[in-house]
Amino acid sequence: MKKTIRIDIEDYSNFIEKNHYSIDKTLLIKDFLDDGDKVTLITRPRCFGKTLNMSMMAEFLDITKDSKNIFKDTNIMRSDKAELINKIPVIFISFKDVKGSKKNFVRMLKKTILEEYRKYYFIIEQLNKLDKSTIEFTIKELKKTTDENLIGINDSIQLLCQLLYDYFGKRVILFIDEYDTPFMEANSQGYYEDIHNALSTLLSTALKGNKYLDKAFLTGIQGIPRANIFGGLNNISVYGVDKKLYGQYFGFVESETKALLAYYNLQLTKEVKEMYGGYRIGGYDVYNPLSISKYVNDRVLNPYWINTISDTTIKKLMNACTEYVRADYETLITKGSIHVHTDLETSYLEEMKDQTFWALFIHLGYLTIVEKIDMDYYKVRISNNEMKKALKDLEVYILANKNIKI
């Protein structure tokens, strides 16, 4: 019986233990440990395996686990980093569910951090009364899930790093999945100004000047605004779709896609390539894992892309852009490619304008860079037929709103 292919499991140990079809991406761990960066940010479109990969990295390093069976016969165990398995204290936080109303946003953010504290209750219970008081105060604030503010939790991640450092005698590796989801959600829902400072402080205290931190690995969709949301953090290295390092680890490269399809008695035909391929990331031809997996299960060449940008965000962007964006957008739909001025290392959260509009569409995967012509000047094309349909759906929305000031 063939292995099942699943795209809805994001816990790596569970994924491996259930014996689903897997692609060995474990050398991502080695590259991360070797890269020399204090804080690494990977930006990729949604559904490109970011959460599963981060779960894999945390599972391998986590000092509280025994993961040798999970990583048996993997590439990382044949590398010089095999000896580090389960040797490092780890904090793994995912912000993917920090969404919704302001009240739900605060509740989910606190719940997410509190879950990591609960993982280390066995350490907290051993503290003396004086040391325990600060931790207990923070936990008490994290449990206030009916509030609509982030008072009292500004240094909660840094404090947890200190707790682990004091107990294990080793600096912590911090993983933050979908770092930008809270900021994007707050912007879309209209309470960005209410939470921006507190959320920025939470992250900056964890990532900047934290003497208990060894390294940090973040994932998200977009880069860091220059007026940055981490309070002037200057030790972050951003690896976007235009960077070679880490290019092969998120999404399926062509050889992996061919092998996967062959395992299920399918072929990488021209039609499959044109529908789900076309992404050019760090010099690699990459395929959308979600769409390829659904194609294998359904055996139907349908568009499976899930739109992850809200109508509110589209409207805000279009209100801020010039008339050239609409004209270029129509040219893009007609001809499939255009030339754009954009800055891939910024964010529409910093400033909504033409350049950040196109940067967001590249980060979301709608567009792929064909060529960098000059500083911040690129030739881009629609990534594939799946994305062409998605862009046409957005075009209907954009052109239907003639009253939108652009």
Protein backbone atom coordinates (compact mmCIF):
# COMPACT_ATOMS: atom_id res chain seq x y z
CA MET A 1 0.00 0.00 0.00
CA LYS A 2 1.29 3.43 -0.96
CA LYS A 3 1.87 6.14 1.63
CA THR A 4 -0.78 8.80 1.92
CA ILE A 5 0.01 12.37 1.00
CA ARG A 6 -1.11 14.96 3.54
CA ILE A 7 -0.84 18.72 3.57
CA ASP A 8 -2.86 19.45 6.70
CA ILE A 9 -0.40 18.11 9.30
CA GLU A 10 2.09 20.72 10.52
CA ASP A 11 3.61 18.82 13.45
CA TYR A 12 6.72 17.09 12.12
CA SER A 13 6.89 14.20 14.59
CA ASN A 14 3.23 13.38 13.99
CA PHE A 15 3.77 13.61 10.24
CA ILE A 16 6.68 11.15 10.32
CA GLU A 17 5.13 8.77 12.83
CA LYS A 18 2.01 8.45 10.65
CA ASN A 19 4.31 7.41 7.79
CA HIS A 20 2.94 9.87 5.25
CA TYR A 21 4.86 10.57 2.04
CA SER A 22 7.68 12.91 3.01
CA ILE A 23 10.46 14.80 1.28
CA ASP A 24 13.71 15.08 3.20
CA LYS A 25 14.33 18.77 3.89
CA THR A 26 16.42 18.14 7.02
CA LEU A 27 19.59 19.78 5.70
CA LEU A 28 17.73 23.03 6.30
CA ILE A 29 18.78 22.51 9.92
CA LYS A 30 22.47 22.33 8.99
CA ASP A 31 22.30 25.41 6.78
CA PHE A 32 20.59 27.36 9.55
CA LEU A 33 23.17 26.35 12.16
CA ASP A 34 26.00 27.19 9.75
CA ASP A 35 24.70 30.49 8.33
CA GLY A 36 26.32 32.76 10.95
CA ASP A 37 23.24 34.98 11.27
CA LYS A 38 21.85 35.94 14.65
CA VAL A 39 18.30 36.32 13.36
CA THR A 40 17.19 34.68 10.11
CA LEU A 41 13.92 35.57 8.37
CA ILE A 42 12.58 33.44 5.52
CA THR A 43 9.83 35.02 3.40
CA ARG A 44 7.71 32.71 1.26
CA PRO A 45 4.11 32.52 0.02
CA ARG A 46 1.48 30.80 2.12
CA CYS A 47 1.28 26.99 1.94
CA PHE A 48 4.95 26.51 1.05
CA GLY A 49 5.77 24.28 4.04
CA LYS A 50 7.08 26.95 6.42
CA THR A 51 5.32 25.68 9.54
CA LEU A 52 6.17 22.01 8.94
CA ASN A 53 9.82 22.86 8.30
CA MET A 54 10.02 24.94 11.44
CA SER A 55 8.43 22.13 13.45
CA MET A 56 11.07 19.80 12.01
CA MET A 57 13.91 22.11 13.09
CA ALA A 58 12.51 22.52 16.60
CA GLU A 59 11.95 18.76 16.93
CA PHE A 60 15.55 18.02 16.00
CA LEU A 61 17.13 20.50 18.39
CA ASP A 62 14.74 20.34 21.37
CA ILE A 63 16.69 19.32 24.47
CA THR A 64 13.56 18.00 26.19
CA LYS A 65 12.85 15.38 23.50
CA ASP A 66 14.28 12.12 22.19
CA SER A 67 13.91 12.39 18.41
CA LYS A 68 16.42 9.86 17.11
CA ASN A 69 13.73 7.59 15.67
CA ILE A 70 12.01 10.54 14.02
CA PHE A 71 15.21 11.47 12.16
CA LYS A 72 16.45 7.96 11.48
CA ASP A 73 18.01 7.68 7.98
CA THR A 74 17.56 11.39 7.21
CA ASN A 75 20.20 13.58 5.59
CA ILE A 76 20.84 15.59 8.76
CA MET A 77 21.88 12.41 10.60
CA ARG A 78 24.59 11.87 7.96
CA SER A 79 25.93 15.38 8.46
CA ASP A 80 28.29 16.94 10.99
CA LYS A 81 25.25 18.30 12.88
CA ALA A 82 23.92 14.84 13.85
CA GLU A 83 25.56 15.16 17.28
CA LEU A 84 23.36 18.18 18.07
CA ILE A 85 20.11 16.26 18.05
CA ASN A 86 18.13 17.13 21.20
CA LYS A 87 20.98 19.19 22.64
CA ILE A 88 19.61 22.77 22.58
CA PRO A 89 16.80 24.49 24.50
CA VAL A 90 14.13 25.59 22.05
CA ILE A 91 11.15 27.93 22.01
CA PHE A 92 8.71 27.43 19.13
CA ILE A 93 5.89 29.93 18.70
CA SER A 94 3.51 30.13 15.75
CA PHE A 95 1.41 33.24 15.20
CA LYS A 96 -0.63 31.68 12.38
CA ASP A 97 -3.85 31.65 14.45
CA VAL A 98 -3.51 35.18 15.86
CA LYS A 99 -6.43 36.56 13.87
CA GLY A 100 -9.96 37.92 14.06
CA SER A 101 -11.42 40.64 16.21
CA LYS A 102 -9.15 42.58 18.54
CA LYS A 103 -10.41 40.57 21.51
CA ASN A 104 -9.77 37.25 19.76
CA PHE A 105 -6.40 38.52 18.52
CA VAL A 106 -5.22 39.25 22.07
CA ARG A 107 -6.65 35.97 23.37
CA MET A 108 -4.90 33.87 20.72
CA LEU A 109 -1.59 35.73 21.08
CA LYS A 110 -1.53 35.17 24.84
CA LYS A 111 -2.66 31.55 24.45
CA THR A 112 0.14 30.86 21.95
CA ILE A 113 2.87 32.16 24.29
CA LEU A 114 1.29 30.53 27.34
CA GLU A 115 1.46 27.12 25.65
CA GLU A 116 5.25 27.42 25.53
CA TYR A 117 5.36 28.35 29.21
CA ARG A 118 3.28 25.27 30.05
CA LYS A 119 5.79 23.11 28.25
CA TYR A 120 8.37 24.19 30.84
CA TYR A 121 6.24 24.11 34.00
CA PHE A 122 8.54 21.38 35.32
CA ILE A 123 11.30 24.02 35.51
CA ILE A 124 9.09 26.71 37.04
CA GLU A 125 8.04 24.36 39.83
CA GLN A 126 11.69 24.00 40.90
CA LEU A 127 12.33 27.74 41.25
CA ASN A 128 12.65 29.40 44.63
CA LYS A 129 9.93 31.81 45.70
CA LEU A 130 11.82 34.94 44.64
CA ASP A 131 12.69 33.71 41.15
CA LYS A 132 9.21 32.26 40.67
CA SER A 133 7.37 35.53 41.39
CA THR A 134 8.30 37.23 38.10
CA ILE A 135 7.40 34.15 36.07
CA GLU A 136 4.10 33.73 37.89
CA PHE A 137 3.22 37.39 37.26
CA THR A 138 3.82 36.93 33.53
CA ILE A 139 1.78 33.72 33.44
CA LYS A 140 -1.03 35.50 35.28
CA GLU A 141 -1.03 38.24 32.61
CA LEU A 142 -0.98 35.66 29.82
CA LYS A 143 -4.05 34.02 31.33
CA LYS A 144 -6.04 37.26 31.12
CA THR A 145 -7.63 36.26 27.83
CA THR A 146 -10.67 38.53 28.11
CA ASP A 147 -8.59 41.72 27.97
CA GLU A 148 -8.08 43.69 24.77
CA ASN A 149 -4.54 44.79 25.55
CA LEU A 150 -1.07 43.28 25.81
CA ILE A 151 -0.10 44.90 29.10
CA GLY A 152 2.29 42.84 31.20
CA ILE A 153 3.57 40.47 28.50
CA ASN A 154 6.05 42.73 26.67
CA ASP A 155 9.07 40.73 27.80
CA SER A 156 7.38 37.31 28.09
CA ILE A 157 9.42 35.64 25.33
CA GLN A 158 12.72 37.04 26.60
CA LEU A 159 11.81 35.94 30.13
CA LEU A 160 11.18 32.40 28.92
CA CYS A 161 14.59 32.45 27.20
CA GLN A 162 16.17 33.42 30.53
CA LEU A 163 14.32 30.63 32.32
CA LEU A 164 15.67 28.01 29.90
CA TYR A 165 19.18 29.44 29.92
CA ASP A 166 19.35 29.41 33.71
CA TYR A 167 18.12 25.80 33.87
CA PHE A 168 19.97 24.19 30.97
CA GLY A 169 23.06 26.42 30.94
CA LYS A 170 22.75 26.91 27.19
CA ARG A 171 21.49 29.78 25.07
CA VAL A 172 18.13 29.30 23.42
CA ILE A 173 17.18 28.91 19.77
CA LEU A 174 13.91 30.73 19.11
CA PHE A 175 11.52 29.83 16.29
CA ILE A 176 8.70 32.23 15.37
CA ASP A 177 6.35 31.07 12.63
CA GLU A 178 4.34 33.62 10.61
CA TYR A 179 5.83 36.57 12.47
CA ASP A 180 3.90 39.05 10.31
CA THR A 181 0.42 37.50 10.53
CA PRO A 182 -0.53 39.54 13.64
CA PHE A 183 0.57 42.81 12.01
CA MET A 184 -1.22 42.05 8.72
CA GLU A 185 -4.36 40.92 10.52
CA ALA A 186 -4.46 44.00 12.76
CA ASN A 187 -3.97 46.22 9.72
CA SER A 188 -6.81 44.51 7.88
CA GLN A 189 -9.15 44.57 10.89
CA GLY A 190 -8.51 48.21 11.73
CA TYR A 191 -6.72 48.01 15.11
CA TYR A 192 -3.10 48.13 13.91
CA GLU A 193 -2.29 51.33 15.81
CA ASP A 194 -3.70 49.85 19.03
CA ILE A 195 -1.38 46.84 19.13
CA HIS A 196 1.62 47.89 17.03
CA ASN A 197 3.84 49.22 19.82
CA ALA A 198 3.18 46.40 22.28
CA LEU A 199 3.63 43.69 19.67
CA SER A 200 6.82 45.33 18.38
CA THR A 201 8.20 45.47 21.92
CA LEU A 202 7.34 41.80 22.50
CA LEU A 203 9.38 40.79 19.45
CA SER A 204 12.22 43.29 19.77
CA THR A 205 12.96 42.36 23.40
CA ALA A 206 13.15 38.72 22.34
CA LEU A 207 15.37 39.33 19.30
CA LYS A 208 17.49 42.38 20.14
CA GLY A 209 19.93 42.50 23.03
CA ASN A 210 18.67 39.21 24.46
CA LYS A 211 21.78 37.69 26.05
CA TYR A 212 19.98 34.38 26.56
CA LEU A 213 19.39 33.94 22.82
CA ASP A 214 21.74 31.95 20.59
CA LYS A 215 19.91 32.25 17.27
CA ALA A 216 16.41 32.93 15.97
CA PHE A 217 14.61 31.66 12.89
CA LEU A 218 11.49 33.46 11.67
CA THR A 219 9.15 32.87 8.76
CA GLY A 220 6.62 35.18 7.17
CA ILE A 221 5.31 36.50 3.89
CA GLN A 222 7.07 39.83 3.64
CA GLY A 223 10.22 41.62 4.67
CA ILE A 224 10.83 43.95 7.59
CA PRO A 225 9.75 47.58 7.15
CA ARG A 226 12.66 50.02 7.32
CA ALA A 227 10.82 51.94 10.03
CA ASN A 228 10.83 48.56 11.46
CA ILE A 229 8.29 46.74 13.55
CA PHE A 230 11.04 45.30 15.74
CA GLY A 231 12.07 48.65 17.16
CA GLY A 232 15.26 49.20 15.16
CA LEU A 233 16.42 45.59 15.02
CA ASN A 234 19.53 45.62 12.84
CA ASN A 235 20.84 42.08 13.21
CA ILE A 236 18.26 40.36 11.01
CA SER A 237 19.12 38.64 7.71
CA VAL A 238 16.20 38.36 5.28
CA TYR A 239 16.12 35.53 2.74
CA GLY A 240 13.35 36.24 0.26
CA VAL A 241 12.43 34.57 -3.01
CA ASP A 242 15.35 36.28 -4.72
CA LYS A 243 18.02 34.78 -2.41
CA LYS A 244 19.76 31.47 -3.16
CA LEU A 245 20.36 30.31 0.42
CA TYR A 246 17.36 28.26 1.62
CA GLY A 247 15.88 28.34 -1.90
CA GLN A 248 15.38 24.56 -2.12
CA TYR A 249 13.76 24.01 1.25
CA PHE A 250 10.35 25.68 0.92
CA GLY A 251 8.09 24.27 -1.76
CA PHE A 252 8.91 21.26 -3.94
CA VAL A 253 11.82 21.64 -6.36
CA GLU A 254 11.40 20.01 -9.77
CA SER A 255 13.27 16.77 -8.99
CA GLU A 256 11.19 16.31 -5.81
CA THR A 257 7.98 16.98 -7.73
CA LYS A 258 8.87 14.43 -10.42
CA ALA A 259 9.68 11.79 -7.81
CA LEU A 260 6.48 12.46 -5.88
CA LEU A 261 4.29 12.23 -8.97
CA ALA A 262 6.05 9.08 -10.18
CA TYR A 263 5.43 7.42 -6.78
CA TYR A 264 1.70 7.91 -7.39
CA ASN A 265 1.94 6.82 -11.04
CA LEU A 266 1.63 10.34 -12.40
CA GLN A 267 3.88 12.39 -14.66
CA LEU A 268 5.15 15.94 -14.55
CA THR A 269 3.47 16.95 -17.78
CA LYS A 270 3.56 20.34 -19.46
CA GLU A 271 0.02 20.96 -18.18
CA VAL A 272 1.01 20.24 -14.56
CA LYS A 273 4.05 22.51 -14.87
CA GLU A 274 2.00 25.35 -16.29
CA MET A 275 -0.67 25.00 -13.62
CA TYR A 276 1.38 24.53 -10.41
CA GLY A 277 5.02 25.29 -11.27
CA GLY A 278 6.64 28.45 -12.53
CA TYR A 279 7.96 29.75 -9.21
CA ARG A 280 11.60 30.75 -9.41
CA ILE A 281 13.05 30.88 -5.90
CA GLY A 282 16.77 31.31 -5.28
CA GLY A 283 17.58 29.88 -8.71
CA TYR A 284 15.37 26.80 -8.23
CA ASP A 285 12.23 25.88 -10.16
CA VAL A 286 9.69 25.38 -7.40
CA TYR A 287 6.16 23.96 -7.25
CA ASN A 288 3.36 24.78 -4.83
CA PRO A 289 3.19 21.89 -2.28
CA LEU A 290 -0.48 22.45 -1.45
CA SER A 291 -1.60 22.35 -5.08
CA ILE A 292 0.61 19.41 -6.07
CA SER A 293 -0.63 17.40 -3.09
CA LYS A 294 -4.27 18.13 -3.86
CA TYR A 295 -3.69 17.26 -7.52
CA VAL A 296 -2.26 13.87 -6.49
CA ASN A 297 -5.26 13.18 -4.26
CA ASP A 298 -7.93 14.38 -6.71
CA ARG A 299 -6.23 13.50 -10.03
CA VAL A 300 -7.86 16.62 -11.45
CA LEU A 301 -5.96 19.63 -12.81
CA ASN A 302 -7.90 22.23 -10.82
CA PRO A 303 -6.72 25.50 -9.30
CA TYR A 304 -6.35 24.86 -5.56
CA TRP A 305 -4.80 28.17 -4.55
CA ILE A 306 -6.28 29.75 -1.42
CA ASN A 307 -6.46 33.54 -1.55
CA THR A 308 -4.74 34.87 1.58
CA ILE A 309 -5.08 38.61 1.03
CA SER A 310 -8.22 40.31 2.31
CA ASP A 311 -10.47 42.55 0.24
CA THR A 312 -9.85 45.28 2.81
CA THR A 313 -6.09 45.13 2.21
CA ILE A 314 -6.60 45.20 -1.58
CA LYS A 315 -8.83 48.26 -1.24
CA LYS A 316 -6.32 50.04 1.02
CA LEU A 317 -3.47 49.27 -1.38
CA MET A 318 -5.40 50.43 -4.43
CA ASN A 319 -6.43 53.64 -2.66
CA ALA A 320 -2.75 54.40 -2.03
CA CYS A 321 -1.44 53.52 -5.50
CA THR A 322 -1.19 55.66 -8.62
CA GLU A 323 -3.12 55.12 -11.86
CA TYR A 324 -0.06 53.28 -13.23
CA VAL A 325 -0.75 50.23 -11.06
CA ARG A 326 -4.16 49.65 -12.65
CA ALA A 327 -2.70 50.09 -16.14
CA ASP A 328 0.21 47.74 -15.40
CA TYR A 329 -2.17 45.23 -13.82
CA GLU A 330 -4.26 45.07 -16.99
CA THR A 331 -1.10 44.70 -19.07
CA LEU A 332 0.03 41.89 -16.79
CA ILE A 333 -3.23 39.98 -17.28
CA THR A 334 -3.07 40.48 -21.06
CA LYS A 335 0.62 39.81 -21.71
CA GLY A 336 1.64 37.76 -18.68
CA SER A 337 4.64 39.90 -17.70
CA ILE A 338 5.56 43.51 -16.93
CA HIS A 339 8.45 45.60 -15.61
CA VAL A 340 8.04 47.04 -12.12
CA HIS A 341 9.89 49.18 -9.61
CA THR A 342 9.69 47.49 -6.22
CA ASP A 343 11.60 46.93 -2.99
CA LEU A 344 11.43 43.33 -1.81
CA GLU A 345 12.87 44.10 1.61
CA THR A 346 10.09 46.37 2.76
CA SER A 347 6.42 45.95 3.62
CA TYR A 348 3.10 47.54 2.75
CA LEU A 349 2.64 47.95 6.52
CA GLU A 350 5.33 50.64 6.39
CA GLU A 351 3.92 52.56 3.45
CA MET A 352 1.26 51.71 0.89
CA LYS A 353 2.42 52.74 -2.57
CA ASP A 354 3.09 51.28 -6.02
CA GLN A 355 6.39 49.65 -5.00
CA THR A 356 4.94 47.87 -1.97
CA PHE A 357 1.90 46.74 -3.98
CA TRP A 358 4.12 44.81 -6.39
CA ALA A 359 6.40 43.56 -3.61
CA LEU A 360 3.39 42.07 -1.80
CA PHE A 361 2.21 40.31 -4.96
CA ILE A 362 5.67 38.81 -5.42
CA HIS A 363 5.80 37.70 -1.79
CA LEU A 364 2.33 36.15 -2.04
CA GLY A 365 3.41 34.10 -5.05
CA TYR A 366 1.17 35.70 -7.65
CA LEU A 367 4.25 36.95 -9.50
CA THR A 368 7.71 35.51 -10.08
CA ILE A 369 10.86 37.46 -10.82
CA VAL A 370 12.22 36.77 -14.31
CA GLU A 371 15.14 39.18 -14.18
CA LYS A 372 16.58 41.91 -12.01
CA ILE A 373 17.30 44.69 -14.48
CA ASP A 374 18.54 47.40 -12.16
CA MET A 375 18.39 48.40 -8.51
CA ASP A 376 14.77 47.75 -7.44
CA TYR A 377 13.72 47.32 -11.08
CA TYR A 378 12.50 43.87 -12.15
CA LYS A 379 10.84 42.00 -14.96
CA VAL A 380 8.11 39.86 -13.39
CA ARG A 381 5.61 37.37 -14.80
CA ILE A 382 2.53 35.57 -13.58
CA SER A 383 3.84 32.47 -11.82
CA ASN A 384 1.50 29.92 -13.42
CA ASN A 385 -2.04 29.31 -14.65
CA GLU A 386 -3.31 28.84 -11.11
CA MET A 387 -2.04 32.30 -10.22
CA LYS A 388 -3.39 33.75 -13.46
CA LYS A 389 -6.88 32.70 -12.42
CA ALA A 390 -6.34 34.19 -8.96
CA LEU A 391 -5.17 37.48 -10.49
CA LYS A 392 -8.15 37.55 -12.84
CA ASP A 393 -10.44 37.10 -9.84
CA LEU A 394 -8.75 40.09 -8.20
CA GLU A 395 -8.97 42.07 -11.45
CA VAL A 396 -12.73 41.67 -11.44
CA TYR A 397 -12.79 43.14 -7.93
CA ILE A 398 -10.42 46.00 -8.78
CA LEU A 399 -12.11 47.04 -12.03
CA ALA A 400 -15.58 46.74 -10.50
CA ASN A 401 -14.65 49.45 -7.99
CA LYS A 402 -14.30 52.35 -10.40
CA ASN A 403 -14.95 54.74 -7.56
CA ILE A 404 -11.76 53.68 -5.81
CA LYS A 405 -9.30 56.56 -5.90
CA ILE A 406 -6.08 55.31 -7.44
